[in-house]
């Protein structure tokens, strides 16, 4: 095994290990923390029903509303970490679900278009492509200064192509100085490479940024 193959194997192991840990945390948030908070909420609602003093009743109701809000935030975080639809229904439904969360969080409307017949992907490829799309969308929210973006899935008999384009301010690839953006782009390329795919990034000042992903579809 040469040095490059050894590096790829190590990177693949690290990424797989990270995904397993993320999945465990997401499950714990949903089934552990979320369920405990729901039990507390139920208890508070029971206490409120037995109170007669108005000030105390109002206070307990405020606490209940705060816990309800926290339960919703925990659920959203759990979905963001590891969307259950990704394993159950596949990449495209998971992305549609995630974009609703993304738009409600950041106020960025993403026009999603899918062309061709959707193909079922191996779980590892599903996760890799989803994470790359997630990172691309996160970069749009942080750096693009835009309120809209477009995502296109193109399914062919042999390949899946995904294009993510924002209509933001763009940047010079050679000159940008955002450390997180730089490392994020590198991770995106590495994830696609480890699944046999490719990730290309292009950007122009004033014309936005495009992320182009391609993944061979094995028959």
Protein backbone atom coordinates (compact mmCIF):
# COMPACT_ATOMS: atom_id res chain seq x y z
CA UNK A 1 0.00 0.00 0.00
CA UNK A 2 1.51 3.35 -1.04
CA UNK A 3 1.45 6.56 1.00
CA UNK A 4 -1.57 8.00 -0.85
CA UNK A 5 -3.67 4.87 -0.35
CA UNK A 6 -2.67 4.76 3.31
CA UNK A 7 -3.70 8.41 3.78
CA UNK A 8 -7.04 7.79 2.08
CA UNK A 9 -7.70 4.77 4.29
CA UNK A 10 -6.93 6.79 7.42
CA UNK A 11 -9.14 9.69 6.27
CA UNK A 12 -11.95 7.28 5.46
CA UNK A 13 -11.69 5.68 8.90
CA UNK A 14 -11.72 9.09 10.62
CA UNK A 15 -14.79 10.26 8.67
CA UNK A 16 -16.66 6.99 9.27
CA UNK A 17 -15.86 7.18 12.99
CA UNK A 18 -17.07 10.79 13.13
CA UNK A 19 -20.35 9.83 11.43
CA UNK A 20 -20.97 7.02 13.90
CA UNK A 21 -20.40 9.43 16.79
CA UNK A 22 -22.65 12.07 15.22
CA UNK A 23 -25.38 9.46 14.73
CA UNK A 24 -25.04 8.37 18.38
CA UNK A 25 -25.28 11.98 19.62
CA UNK A 26 -28.30 12.68 17.42
CA UNK A 27 -30.05 9.57 18.75
CA UNK A 28 -29.25 10.51 22.34
CA UNK A 29 -30.57 14.03 21.83
CA UNK A 30 -33.82 12.72 20.39
CA UNK A 31 -34.44 9.66 22.57
CA UNK A 32 -32.66 10.78 25.75
CA UNK A 33 -32.61 14.55 26.24
CA UNK A 34 -35.75 15.13 24.18
CA UNK A 35 -37.77 12.49 26.03
CA UNK A 36 -36.60 13.74 29.44
CA UNK A 37 -37.62 17.29 28.56
CA UNK A 38 -41.01 16.05 27.41
CA UNK A 39 -41.49 14.27 30.74
CA UNK A 40 -40.65 17.49 32.60
CA UNK A 41 -43.09 19.41 30.41
CA UNK A 42 -45.88 16.92 31.16
CA UNK A 43 -45.16 17.24 34.90
CA UNK A 44 -45.25 21.04 34.78
CA UNK A 45 -48.53 21.00 32.89
CA UNK A 46 -49.98 18.73 35.57
CA UNK A 47 -48.73 21.08 38.31
CA UNK A 48 -50.20 24.09 36.49
CA UNK A 49 -53.62 22.44 36.29
CA UNK A 50 -53.73 22.19 40.08
CA UNK A 51 -52.63 25.75 40.87
CA UNK A 52 -55.08 28.44 41.85
CA UNK A 53 -52.75 31.37 42.60
CA UNK A 54 -52.57 33.33 39.35
CA UNK A 55 -48.98 34.59 39.61
CA UNK A 56 -47.64 31.10 40.25
CA UNK A 57 -49.84 29.67 37.50
CA UNK A 58 -48.46 32.23 35.02
CA UNK A 59 -44.88 31.46 36.09
CA UNK A 60 -45.31 27.71 35.60
CA UNK A 61 -46.92 28.34 32.20
CA UNK A 62 -43.89 30.44 31.13
CA UNK A 63 -41.57 27.62 32.22
CA UNK A 64 -43.65 25.15 30.21
CA UNK A 65 -43.42 27.35 27.11
CA UNK A 66 -39.64 27.62 27.53
CA UNK A 67 -39.32 23.86 27.75
CA UNK A 68 -41.53 23.43 24.67
CA UNK A 69 -39.21 25.77 22.77
CA UNK A 70 -36.17 23.84 24.00
CA UNK A 71 -37.72 20.52 22.91
CA UNK A 72 -38.22 21.94 19.42
CA UNK A 73 -34.62 23.17 19.29
CA UNK A 74 -33.33 19.75 20.40
CA UNK A 75 -35.41 18.05 17.70
CA UNK A 76 -34.11 20.43 15.03
CA UNK A 77 -30.52 19.91 16.17
CA UNK A 78 -31.00 16.15 16.11
CA UNK A 79 -32.34 16.30 12.54
CA UNK A 80 -29.48 18.54 11.45
CA UNK A 81 -26.89 16.16 12.91
CA UNK A 82 -28.37 13.03 11.38
CA UNK A 83 -31.70 13.33 9.51
CA UNK A 84 -33.69 10.08 9.90
CA UNK A 85 -35.10 10.55 6.39
CA UNK A 86 -31.59 10.05 4.96
CA UNK A 87 -31.52 6.40 6.01
CA UNK A 88 -35.23 5.73 5.56
CA UNK A 89 -36.09 7.56 2.32
CA UNK A 90 -32.79 8.52 0.69
CA UNK A 91 -30.79 11.58 -0.29
CA UNK A 92 -33.34 13.73 -2.13
CA UNK A 93 -36.17 13.53 0.47
CA UNK A 94 -33.59 14.19 3.22
CA UNK A 95 -32.33 17.26 1.40
CA UNK A 96 -35.88 18.57 0.87
CA UNK A 97 -36.55 18.17 4.58
CA UNK A 98 -33.27 19.81 5.54
CA UNK A 99 -33.85 22.80 3.25
CA UNK A 100 -37.07 23.62 5.12
CA UNK A 101 -35.06 23.76 8.34
CA UNK A 102 -32.29 25.73 6.62
CA UNK A 103 -34.67 28.37 5.22
CA UNK A 104 -36.49 28.80 8.54
CA UNK A 105 -33.14 29.20 10.32
CA UNK A 106 -31.23 31.48 7.94
CA UNK A 107 -33.94 33.08 5.81
CA UNK A 108 -32.25 31.87 2.61
CA UNK A 109 -34.66 30.42 0.06
CA UNK A 110 -33.17 27.49 -1.86
CA UNK A 111 -34.81 26.54 -5.15
CA UNK A 112 -34.41 22.75 -5.44
CA UNK A 113 -34.82 21.04 -8.80
CA UNK A 114 -34.40 17.34 -9.57
CA UNK A 115 -34.06 16.13 -13.15
CA UNK A 116 -34.13 12.45 -14.14
CA UNK A 117 -35.03 9.33 -12.19
CA UNK A 118 -33.71 9.23 -8.64
CA UNK A 119 -31.39 6.31 -7.91
CA UNK A 120 -30.86 4.68 -4.53
CA UNK A 121 -27.35 5.29 -3.20
CA UNK A 122 -25.27 3.26 -0.71
CA UNK A 123 -25.55 4.63 2.83
CA UNK A 124 -21.95 5.84 2.82
CA UNK A 125 -22.47 7.81 -0.40
CA UNK A 126 -25.77 9.21 0.94
CA UNK A 127 -24.03 10.52 4.04
CA UNK A 128 -21.00 11.89 2.17
CA UNK A 129 -23.05 13.82 -0.40
CA UNK A 130 -25.48 15.08 2.24
CA UNK A 131 -22.59 16.37 4.39
CA UNK A 132 -20.99 18.14 1.43
CA UNK A 133 -24.30 19.81 0.56
CA UNK A 134 -24.70 20.77 4.23
CA UNK A 135 -21.24 22.37 4.26
CA UNK A 136 -21.93 24.23 1.01
CA UNK A 137 -25.18 25.60 2.41
CA UNK A 138 -23.48 26.58 5.67
CA UNK A 139 -20.87 28.52 3.70
CA UNK A 140 -23.63 30.34 1.81
CA UNK A 141 -25.22 31.38 5.11
CA UNK A 142 -21.89 32.56 6.54
CA UNK A 143 -20.15 34.21 3.60
CA UNK A 144 -22.37 34.74 0.54
CA UNK A 145 -24.55 37.62 1.81
CA UNK A 146 -27.56 36.48 -0.20
CA UNK A 147 -31.20 35.55 0.35
CA UNK A 148 -31.50 32.94 -2.37
CA UNK A 149 -29.67 29.96 -3.85
CA UNK A 150 -30.37 27.17 -6.32
CA UNK A 151 -29.68 23.46 -6.03
CA UNK A 152 -30.02 21.08 -8.96
CA UNK A 153 -29.91 17.27 -8.92
CA UNK A 154 -29.27 15.70 -12.32
CA UNK A 155 -29.71 11.93 -12.37
CA UNK A 156 -28.41 9.95 -15.35
CA UNK A 157 -27.92 6.23 -15.88
CA UNK A 158 -24.29 6.43 -14.78
CA UNK A 159 -23.86 9.56 -12.69
CA UNK A 160 -25.43 11.95 -10.18
CA UNK A 161 -24.52 15.60 -10.64
CA UNK A 162 -25.43 18.22 -8.05
CA UNK A 163 -24.94 21.94 -8.56
CA UNK A 164 -25.32 24.42 -5.71
CA UNK A 165 -25.18 28.06 -6.76
CA UNK A 166 -25.70 31.11 -4.60
CA UNK A 167 -26.35 34.59 -5.93
CA UNK A 168 -24.07 36.26 -3.43
CA UNK A 169 -20.96 38.39 -3.46
CA UNK A 170 -18.52 35.65 -4.50
CA UNK A 171 -14.80 35.55 -3.72
CA UNK A 172 -11.40 34.94 -5.27
CA UNK A 173 -10.49 31.31 -4.69
CA UNK A 174 -6.77 32.10 -4.63
CA UNK A 175 -7.07 35.07 -2.32
CA UNK A 176 -9.81 34.31 0.23
CA UNK A 177 -8.61 34.41 3.82
CA UNK A 178 -11.48 32.66 5.66
CA UNK A 179 -9.77 29.81 7.48
CA UNK A 180 -13.03 27.93 8.10
CA UNK A 181 -14.09 28.31 4.46
CA UNK A 182 -10.71 27.04 3.28
CA UNK A 183 -10.79 23.96 5.52
CA UNK A 184 -14.47 23.39 4.72
CA UNK A 185 -13.79 23.29 0.98
CA UNK A 186 -10.92 20.86 1.53
CA UNK A 187 -13.15 18.53 3.58
CA UNK A 188 -15.86 18.68 0.91
CA UNK A 189 -13.38 17.62 -1.76
CA UNK A 190 -11.99 14.86 0.43
CA UNK A 191 -15.44 13.44 1.25
CA UNK A 192 -16.37 13.26 -2.42
CA UNK A 193 -12.99 11.79 -3.35
CA UNK A 194 -13.35 8.98 -0.79
CA UNK A 195 -16.69 7.96 -2.34
CA UNK A 196 -15.25 7.98 -5.87
CA UNK A 197 -16.76 11.34 -6.74
CA UNK A 198 -15.52 14.86 -7.39
CA UNK A 199 -16.15 18.34 -6.03
CA UNK A 200 -15.42 21.46 -8.08
CA UNK A 201 -15.67 24.99 -6.76
CA UNK A 202 -15.89 28.16 -8.81
CA UNK A 203 -16.57 31.72 -7.75
CA UNK A 204 -16.53 35.20 -9.19
CA UNK A 205 -16.74 38.50 -7.36
CA UNK A 206 -20.27 39.85 -7.71
CA UNK A 207 -21.58 36.71 -9.44
CA UNK A 208 -21.77 34.20 -6.61
CA UNK A 209 -20.24 30.79 -6.00
CA UNK A 210 -20.96 27.40 -7.54
CA UNK A 211 -20.28 23.98 -6.06
CA UNK A 212 -20.44 21.12 -8.56
CA UNK A 213 -20.55 17.55 -7.28
CA UNK A 214 -20.37 14.42 -9.38
CA UNK A 215 -20.79 10.85 -8.20
CA UNK A 216 -20.65 7.71 -10.38
CA UNK A 217 -23.70 5.49 -10.01
CA UNK A 218 -22.71 1.84 -9.82
CA UNK A 219 -25.15 -0.62 -11.35
